[in-house]
Amino acid sequence: MRQPRNLLPPAGIYHVTTRGVARAAIFLDEDERRLFLRLFAAEVHRHDWRCHAFCLMTTHYHLVVETELSRLSDGMHRLNGTYALTFNRRHHRSGHLFGERFAWLPSDEHHLRQTCEYVLQNPVRAGLCARAADWPWAAARAA
């Protein structure tokens, strides 16, 4: 269940999703997806996140990470900010790229597995591929 960030616990596993403003595309090609993944990897390392799953769609992305809330907030701010600046420069645009960011907390191990499966199945539900394994912009930590 989605909770305001100020009500989230100080540490845990967070399912974060961020959409483009007005559901606009945030990834227009593979280069942008690769850039985002490099920036994401840097934040995982910088803030000592444990990544359980991720999926990059066209208009949004999902991350399932384990960390402290302050580290999540700092890393997300840097990740979204750096990516948006680069995207805007590349496409000669200005203004916000991302709309609101939401975070959920898987309640237990079973819910965590369901959350990761939900994240991985996004491209299948959207009709972008037949099987989750066919989508190159998603991954999950092996159980």
N, C-alpha and C. Protein backbone atom coordinates (compact mmCIF):
# COMPACT_ATOMS: atom_id res chain seq x y z
N MET A 1 0.84 -1.18 0.00
CA MET A 1 0.00 0.00 0.00
C MET A 1 0.88 1.24 0.00
N ARG A 2 0.53 2.23 -0.82
CA ARG A 2 1.30 3.46 -0.93
C ARG A 2 1.10 4.31 0.32
N GLN A 3 2.21 4.86 0.80
CA GLN A 3 2.19 5.74 1.96
C GLN A 3 2.97 7.00 1.63
N PRO A 4 2.60 8.14 2.22
CA PRO A 4 3.44 9.34 2.04
C PRO A 4 4.84 9.05 2.54
N ARG A 5 5.85 9.63 1.84
CA ARG A 5 7.23 9.34 2.22
C ARG A 5 7.53 9.66 3.67
N ASN A 6 6.89 10.70 4.22
CA ASN A 6 7.18 11.06 5.61
C ASN A 6 6.62 10.03 6.60
N LEU A 7 5.80 9.09 6.13
CA LEU A 7 5.27 8.04 7.01
C LEU A 7 5.95 6.70 6.80
N LEU A 8 6.89 6.65 5.87
CA LEU A 8 7.61 5.39 5.64
C LEU A 8 8.59 5.13 6.77
N PRO A 9 8.88 3.86 7.06
CA PRO A 9 9.84 3.55 8.12
C PRO A 9 11.25 4.00 7.74
N PRO A 10 12.13 4.17 8.72
CA PRO A 10 13.48 4.68 8.46
C PRO A 10 14.37 3.72 7.68
N ALA A 11 13.99 2.47 7.55
CA ALA A 11 14.76 1.50 6.76
C ALA A 11 13.82 0.39 6.34
N GLY A 12 14.15 -0.25 5.22
CA GLY A 12 13.33 -1.36 4.76
C GLY A 12 13.53 -1.62 3.28
N ILE A 13 12.59 -2.37 2.74
CA ILE A 13 12.57 -2.63 1.30
C ILE A 13 11.47 -1.76 0.72
N TYR A 14 11.84 -0.95 -0.26
CA TYR A 14 10.93 0.02 -0.85
C TYR A 14 10.69 -0.31 -2.31
N HIS A 15 9.44 -0.30 -2.72
CA HIS A 15 9.07 -0.39 -4.13
C HIS A 15 8.78 1.04 -4.57
N VAL A 16 9.67 1.56 -5.40
CA VAL A 16 9.57 2.95 -5.85
C VAL A 16 9.19 2.95 -7.32
N THR A 17 8.25 3.80 -7.67
CA THR A 17 7.92 3.99 -9.08
C THR A 17 7.85 5.49 -9.36
N THR A 18 8.37 5.86 -10.52
CA THR A 18 8.39 7.25 -10.94
C THR A 18 7.89 7.31 -12.38
N ARG A 19 6.95 8.21 -12.62
CA ARG A 19 6.37 8.38 -13.96
C ARG A 19 6.82 9.70 -14.57
N GLY A 20 6.78 9.73 -15.89
CA GLY A 20 7.00 10.98 -16.58
C GLY A 20 5.84 11.93 -16.32
N VAL A 21 6.13 13.23 -16.33
CA VAL A 21 5.09 14.24 -16.15
C VAL A 21 4.01 14.00 -17.20
N ALA A 22 2.76 14.03 -16.78
CA ALA A 22 1.61 13.81 -17.67
C ALA A 22 1.75 12.49 -18.44
N ARG A 23 2.42 11.54 -17.82
CA ARG A 23 2.64 10.21 -18.41
C ARG A 23 3.41 10.26 -19.73
N ALA A 24 4.24 11.28 -19.87
CA ALA A 24 5.07 11.42 -21.07
C ALA A 24 6.21 10.40 -21.02
N ALA A 25 6.75 10.07 -22.19
CA ALA A 25 7.87 9.14 -22.28
C ALA A 25 9.10 9.72 -21.58
N ILE A 26 9.78 8.88 -20.82
CA ILE A 26 11.02 9.28 -20.16
C ILE A 26 12.22 8.56 -20.77
N PHE A 27 11.95 7.53 -21.57
CA PHE A 27 13.00 6.81 -22.30
C PHE A 27 12.57 6.75 -23.76
N LEU A 28 13.36 7.37 -24.62
CA LEU A 28 13.01 7.39 -26.05
C LEU A 28 13.84 6.42 -26.88
N ASP A 29 14.94 5.93 -26.30
CA ASP A 29 15.75 4.96 -27.05
C ASP A 29 16.61 4.15 -26.08
N GLU A 30 17.34 3.21 -26.63
CA GLU A 30 18.17 2.32 -25.81
C GLU A 30 19.31 3.07 -25.13
N ASP A 31 19.86 4.09 -25.78
CA ASP A 31 20.93 4.87 -25.15
C ASP A 31 20.46 5.50 -23.85
N GLU A 32 19.24 6.01 -23.85
CA GLU A 32 18.71 6.62 -22.62
C GLU A 32 18.48 5.58 -21.54
N ARG A 33 18.03 4.42 -21.92
CA ARG A 33 17.84 3.34 -20.93
C ARG A 33 19.19 2.92 -20.35
N ARG A 34 20.21 2.81 -21.21
CA ARG A 34 21.55 2.45 -20.72
C ARG A 34 22.11 3.53 -19.79
N LEU A 35 21.92 4.79 -20.16
CA LEU A 35 22.35 5.89 -19.29
C LEU A 35 21.68 5.78 -17.93
N PHE A 36 20.36 5.59 -17.91
CA PHE A 36 19.64 5.48 -16.65
C PHE A 36 20.18 4.33 -15.82
N LEU A 37 20.43 3.19 -16.44
CA LEU A 37 20.94 2.04 -15.69
C LEU A 37 22.33 2.31 -15.13
N ARG A 38 23.17 3.04 -15.87
CA ARG A 38 24.49 3.42 -15.33
C ARG A 38 24.33 4.34 -14.11
N LEU A 39 23.44 5.32 -14.24
CA LEU A 39 23.20 6.24 -13.11
C LEU A 39 22.61 5.48 -11.92
N PHE A 40 21.70 4.57 -12.18
CA PHE A 40 21.09 3.76 -11.13
C PHE A 40 22.16 2.92 -10.42
N ALA A 41 23.03 2.27 -11.20
CA ALA A 41 24.11 1.46 -10.62
C ALA A 41 25.01 2.31 -9.74
N ALA A 42 25.28 3.53 -10.17
CA ALA A 42 26.13 4.42 -9.37
C ALA A 42 25.46 4.75 -8.03
N GLU A 43 24.15 4.96 -8.05
CA GLU A 43 23.45 5.27 -6.80
C GLU A 43 23.36 4.04 -5.90
N VAL A 44 23.17 2.87 -6.49
CA VAL A 44 23.18 1.63 -5.70
C VAL A 44 24.51 1.53 -4.95
N HIS A 45 25.60 1.79 -5.65
CA HIS A 45 26.92 1.72 -5.03
C HIS A 45 27.12 2.85 -4.02
N ARG A 46 26.82 4.07 -4.41
CA ARG A 46 27.05 5.25 -3.57
C ARG A 46 26.27 5.18 -2.25
N HIS A 47 25.04 4.71 -2.31
CA HIS A 47 24.17 4.74 -1.13
C HIS A 47 23.98 3.36 -0.50
N ASP A 48 24.73 2.38 -0.98
CA ASP A 48 24.70 1.04 -0.39
C ASP A 48 23.29 0.44 -0.41
N TRP A 49 22.62 0.58 -1.56
CA TRP A 49 21.31 -0.03 -1.73
C TRP A 49 21.49 -1.49 -2.10
N ARG A 50 20.54 -2.30 -1.73
CA ARG A 50 20.47 -3.68 -2.22
C ARG A 50 19.29 -3.72 -3.19
N CYS A 51 19.57 -3.95 -4.44
CA CYS A 51 18.52 -3.95 -5.46
C CYS A 51 17.90 -5.34 -5.56
N HIS A 52 16.59 -5.42 -5.37
CA HIS A 52 15.87 -6.69 -5.51
C HIS A 52 15.30 -6.85 -6.91
N ALA A 53 14.87 -5.75 -7.54
CA ALA A 53 14.31 -5.80 -8.89
C ALA A 53 14.23 -4.40 -9.47
N PHE A 54 14.19 -4.33 -10.79
CA PHE A 54 13.94 -3.07 -11.47
C PHE A 54 13.31 -3.36 -12.82
N CYS A 55 12.62 -2.37 -13.37
CA CYS A 55 12.06 -2.48 -14.72
C CYS A 55 11.90 -1.07 -15.28
N LEU A 56 12.47 -0.86 -16.46
CA LEU A 56 12.33 0.41 -17.16
C LEU A 56 11.28 0.23 -18.25
N MET A 57 10.23 1.00 -18.17
CA MET A 57 9.20 1.00 -19.21
C MET A 57 9.46 2.22 -20.10
N THR A 58 8.47 2.72 -20.80
CA THR A 58 8.65 3.91 -21.63
C THR A 58 8.29 5.18 -20.87
N THR A 59 7.21 5.13 -20.10
CA THR A 59 6.73 6.31 -19.39
C THR A 59 7.03 6.30 -17.90
N HIS A 60 7.60 5.20 -17.40
CA HIS A 60 7.86 5.09 -15.96
C HIS A 60 8.88 3.99 -15.71
N TYR A 61 9.29 3.91 -14.45
CA TYR A 61 10.17 2.81 -14.05
C TYR A 61 9.79 2.36 -12.66
N HIS A 62 10.22 1.14 -12.32
CA HIS A 62 10.03 0.55 -11.00
C HIS A 62 11.38 0.14 -10.46
N LEU A 63 11.60 0.38 -9.18
CA LEU A 63 12.78 -0.09 -8.46
C LEU A 63 12.31 -0.75 -7.17
N VAL A 64 12.91 -1.85 -6.80
CA VAL A 64 12.68 -2.47 -5.50
C VAL A 64 14.04 -2.53 -4.83
N VAL A 65 14.23 -1.66 -3.84
CA VAL A 65 15.54 -1.54 -3.20
C VAL A 65 15.40 -1.61 -1.68
N GLU A 66 16.45 -2.13 -1.08
CA GLU A 66 16.52 -2.23 0.38
C GLU A 66 17.58 -1.26 0.86
N THR A 67 17.19 -0.37 1.76
CA THR A 67 18.12 0.65 2.24
C THR A 67 17.48 1.42 3.38
N GLU A 68 18.18 2.44 3.82
CA GLU A 68 17.63 3.40 4.78
C GLU A 68 16.87 4.46 4.00
N LEU A 69 15.80 4.98 4.56
CA LEU A 69 14.97 5.96 3.87
C LEU A 69 15.76 7.19 3.46
N SER A 70 16.65 7.67 4.32
CA SER A 70 17.43 8.86 3.98
C SER A 70 18.33 8.59 2.78
N ARG A 71 18.90 7.38 2.71
CA ARG A 71 19.75 7.01 1.57
C ARG A 71 18.90 6.86 0.30
N LEU A 72 17.70 6.34 0.45
CA LEU A 72 16.80 6.22 -0.69
C LEU A 72 16.45 7.60 -1.22
N SER A 73 16.09 8.50 -0.34
CA SER A 73 15.71 9.85 -0.74
C SER A 73 16.86 10.57 -1.44
N ASP A 74 18.04 10.51 -0.86
CA ASP A 74 19.21 11.17 -1.46
C ASP A 74 19.54 10.57 -2.83
N GLY A 75 19.52 9.25 -2.91
CA GLY A 75 19.85 8.59 -4.17
C GLY A 75 18.83 8.84 -5.25
N MET A 76 17.56 8.82 -4.89
CA MET A 76 16.51 9.08 -5.88
C MET A 76 16.58 10.52 -6.37
N HIS A 77 16.87 11.44 -5.48
CA HIS A 77 16.99 12.84 -5.88
C HIS A 77 18.11 12.99 -6.91
N ARG A 78 19.24 12.39 -6.64
CA ARG A 78 20.39 12.47 -7.55
C ARG A 78 20.11 11.73 -8.86
N LEU A 79 19.56 10.53 -8.77
CA LEU A 79 19.25 9.72 -9.95
C LEU A 79 18.29 10.47 -10.88
N ASN A 80 17.15 10.88 -10.35
CA ASN A 80 16.16 11.56 -11.18
C ASN A 80 16.66 12.91 -11.68
N GLY A 81 17.36 13.64 -10.84
CA GLY A 81 17.86 14.95 -11.23
C GLY A 81 18.89 14.88 -12.34
N THR A 82 19.87 13.99 -12.18
CA THR A 82 20.91 13.85 -13.19
C THR A 82 20.33 13.35 -14.51
N TYR A 83 19.45 12.36 -14.42
CA TYR A 83 18.85 11.83 -15.65
C TYR A 83 18.01 12.90 -16.35
N ALA A 84 17.19 13.63 -15.61
CA ALA A 84 16.33 14.65 -16.20
C ALA A 84 17.15 15.75 -16.87
N LEU A 85 18.22 16.20 -16.23
CA LEU A 85 19.07 17.23 -16.84
C LEU A 85 19.66 16.75 -18.17
N THR A 86 20.14 15.51 -18.19
CA THR A 86 20.71 14.95 -19.40
C THR A 86 19.65 14.78 -20.49
N PHE A 87 18.49 14.25 -20.12
CA PHE A 87 17.38 14.06 -21.07
C PHE A 87 16.96 15.41 -21.66
N ASN A 88 16.80 16.40 -20.79
CA ASN A 88 16.37 17.72 -21.26
C ASN A 88 17.39 18.34 -22.21
N ARG A 89 18.67 18.25 -21.89
CA ARG A 89 19.71 18.77 -22.78
C ARG A 89 19.68 18.07 -24.13
N ARG A 90 19.57 16.76 -24.09
CA ARG A 90 19.59 15.96 -25.32
C ARG A 90 18.42 16.32 -26.23
N HIS A 91 17.27 16.61 -25.64
CA HIS A 91 16.06 16.86 -26.44
C HIS A 91 15.69 18.33 -26.51
N HIS A 92 16.62 19.20 -26.10
CA HIS A 92 16.40 20.66 -26.17
C HIS A 92 15.07 21.05 -25.54
N ARG A 93 14.88 20.57 -24.33
CA ARG A 93 13.66 20.89 -23.60
C ARG A 93 14.02 21.38 -22.21
N SER A 94 13.05 21.94 -21.53
CA SER A 94 13.26 22.39 -20.16
C SER A 94 12.04 22.00 -19.34
N GLY A 95 12.18 22.15 -18.04
CA GLY A 95 11.07 21.83 -17.15
C GLY A 95 11.20 20.44 -16.57
N HIS A 96 10.17 20.09 -15.84
CA HIS A 96 10.15 18.79 -15.15
C HIS A 96 10.00 17.64 -16.13
N LEU A 97 10.75 16.59 -15.91
CA LEU A 97 10.60 15.35 -16.67
C LEU A 97 9.72 14.38 -15.89
N PHE A 98 9.92 14.35 -14.58
CA PHE A 98 9.23 13.37 -13.75
C PHE A 98 8.07 14.00 -12.99
N GLY A 99 7.01 13.21 -12.86
CA GLY A 99 5.90 13.57 -11.98
C GLY A 99 6.24 13.09 -10.58
N GLU A 100 5.23 12.76 -9.85
CA GLU A 100 5.46 12.33 -8.46
C GLU A 100 6.11 10.96 -8.39
N ARG A 101 6.80 10.75 -7.28
CA ARG A 101 7.43 9.46 -7.00
C ARG A 101 6.64 8.82 -5.87
N PHE A 102 6.39 7.54 -5.99
CA PHE A 102 5.64 6.82 -4.97
C PHE A 102 6.46 5.67 -4.43
N ALA A 103 6.25 5.34 -3.18
CA ALA A 103 6.95 4.20 -2.57
C ALA A 103 5.95 3.35 -1.81
N TRP A 104 6.10 2.05 -1.95
CA TRP A 104 5.31 1.08 -1.21
C TRP A 104 6.28 0.22 -0.42
N LEU A 105 5.76 -0.44 0.57
CA LEU A 105 6.56 -1.36 1.37
C LEU A 105 6.00 -2.76 1.26
N PRO A 106 6.75 -3.69 0.69
CA PRO A 106 6.31 -5.08 0.77
C PRO A 106 6.22 -5.48 2.25
N SER A 107 5.13 -6.12 2.63
CA SER A 107 4.87 -6.38 4.05
C SER A 107 5.60 -7.60 4.60
N ASP A 108 5.98 -8.54 3.73
CA ASP A 108 6.69 -9.74 4.18
C ASP A 108 7.39 -10.37 2.97
N GLU A 109 8.06 -11.51 3.18
CA GLU A 109 8.81 -12.16 2.10
C GLU A 109 7.91 -12.55 0.92
N HIS A 110 6.73 -13.06 1.23
CA HIS A 110 5.79 -13.44 0.17
C HIS A 110 5.40 -12.21 -0.66
N HIS A 111 5.08 -11.12 0.02
CA HIS A 111 4.70 -9.88 -0.68
C HIS A 111 5.89 -9.33 -1.47
N LEU A 112 7.10 -9.48 -0.95
CA LEU A 112 8.29 -9.05 -1.69
C LEU A 112 8.42 -9.83 -2.99
N ARG A 113 8.24 -11.16 -2.93
CA ARG A 113 8.31 -11.97 -4.14
C ARG A 113 7.23 -11.56 -5.14
N GLN A 114 6.02 -11.30 -4.64
CA GLN A 114 4.92 -10.85 -5.51
C GLN A 114 5.24 -9.48 -6.13
N THR A 115 5.83 -8.60 -5.34
CA THR A 115 6.18 -7.27 -5.83
C THR A 115 7.22 -7.37 -6.94
N CYS A 116 8.25 -8.17 -6.74
CA CYS A 116 9.28 -8.35 -7.76
C CYS A 116 8.68 -8.95 -9.02
N GLU A 117 7.81 -9.92 -8.87
CA GLU A 117 7.15 -10.53 -10.03
C GLU A 117 6.28 -9.50 -10.75
N TYR A 118 5.56 -8.69 -10.01
CA TYR A 118 4.75 -7.61 -10.61
C TYR A 118 5.63 -6.67 -11.43
N VAL A 119 6.76 -6.27 -10.86
CA VAL A 119 7.69 -5.37 -11.55
C VAL A 119 8.17 -6.02 -12.84
N LEU A 120 8.58 -7.28 -12.78
CA LEU A 120 9.12 -7.96 -13.95
C LEU A 120 8.06 -8.21 -15.03
N GLN A 121 6.82 -8.37 -14.63
CA GLN A 121 5.74 -8.65 -15.59
C GLN A 121 5.19 -7.39 -16.26
N ASN A 122 5.64 -6.21 -15.87
CA ASN A 122 5.15 -4.96 -16.46
C ASN A 122 5.19 -4.97 -17.99
N PRO A 123 6.32 -5.29 -18.62
CA PRO A 123 6.35 -5.25 -20.09
C PRO A 123 5.45 -6.30 -20.74
N VAL A 124 5.23 -7.43 -20.07
CA VAL A 124 4.32 -8.45 -20.59
C VAL A 124 2.89 -7.91 -20.57
N ARG A 125 2.49 -7.34 -19.43
CA ARG A 125 1.14 -6.77 -19.32
C ARG A 125 0.92 -5.64 -20.32
N ALA A 126 1.99 -4.91 -20.65
CA ALA A 126 1.88 -3.79 -21.60
C ALA A 126 1.95 -4.26 -23.05
N GLY A 127 2.16 -5.56 -23.27
CA GLY A 127 2.21 -6.09 -24.62
C GLY A 127 3.53 -5.82 -25.34
N LEU A 128 4.59 -5.52 -24.59
CA LEU A 128 5.89 -5.22 -25.19
C LEU A 128 6.73 -6.46 -25.46
N CYS A 129 6.38 -7.56 -24.81
CA CYS A 129 7.08 -8.83 -25.02
C CYS A 129 6.17 -9.96 -24.54
N ALA A 130 6.49 -11.16 -24.97
CA ALA A 130 5.66 -12.31 -24.62
C ALA A 130 6.01 -12.87 -23.23
N ARG A 131 7.29 -12.78 -22.88
CA ARG A 131 7.75 -13.29 -21.59
C ARG A 131 8.61 -12.24 -20.91
N ALA A 132 8.56 -12.18 -19.60
CA ALA A 132 9.35 -11.20 -18.85
C ALA A 132 10.83 -11.34 -19.17
N ALA A 133 11.30 -12.55 -19.38
CA ALA A 133 12.72 -12.79 -19.66
C ALA A 133 13.15 -12.16 -20.99
N ASP A 134 12.20 -11.83 -21.86
CA ASP A 134 12.52 -11.23 -23.15
C ASP A 134 12.76 -9.72 -23.06
N TRP A 135 12.39 -9.09 -21.96
CA TRP A 135 12.54 -7.64 -21.81
C TRP A 135 13.94 -7.33 -21.29
N PRO A 136 14.77 -6.65 -22.08
CA PRO A 136 16.15 -6.44 -21.66
C PRO A 136 16.34 -5.36 -20.59
N TRP A 137 15.29 -4.65 -20.23
CA TRP A 137 15.40 -3.51 -19.33
C TRP A 137 14.80 -3.80 -17.96
N ALA A 138 14.89 -5.05 -17.54
CA ALA A 138 14.39 -5.47 -16.24
C ALA A 138 15.25 -6.60 -15.70
N ALA A 139 15.30 -6.69 -14.38
CA ALA A 139 16.04 -7.78 -13.75
C ALA A 139 15.62 -7.89 -12.29
N ALA A 140 15.87 -9.06 -11.73
CA ALA A 140 15.60 -9.29 -10.30
C ALA A 140 16.71 -10.14 -9.73
N ARG A 141 16.96 -9.92 -8.46
CA ARG A 141 17.95 -10.72 -7.73
C ARG A 141 17.39 -12.14 -7.61
N ALA A 142 18.21 -13.12 -7.85
CA ALA A 142 17.77 -14.52 -7.73
C ALA A 142 17.43 -14.82 -6.27
N ALA A 143 16.38 -15.58 -6.07
CA ALA A 143 15.93 -15.92 -4.71
C ALA A 143 16.85 -16.90 -4.07
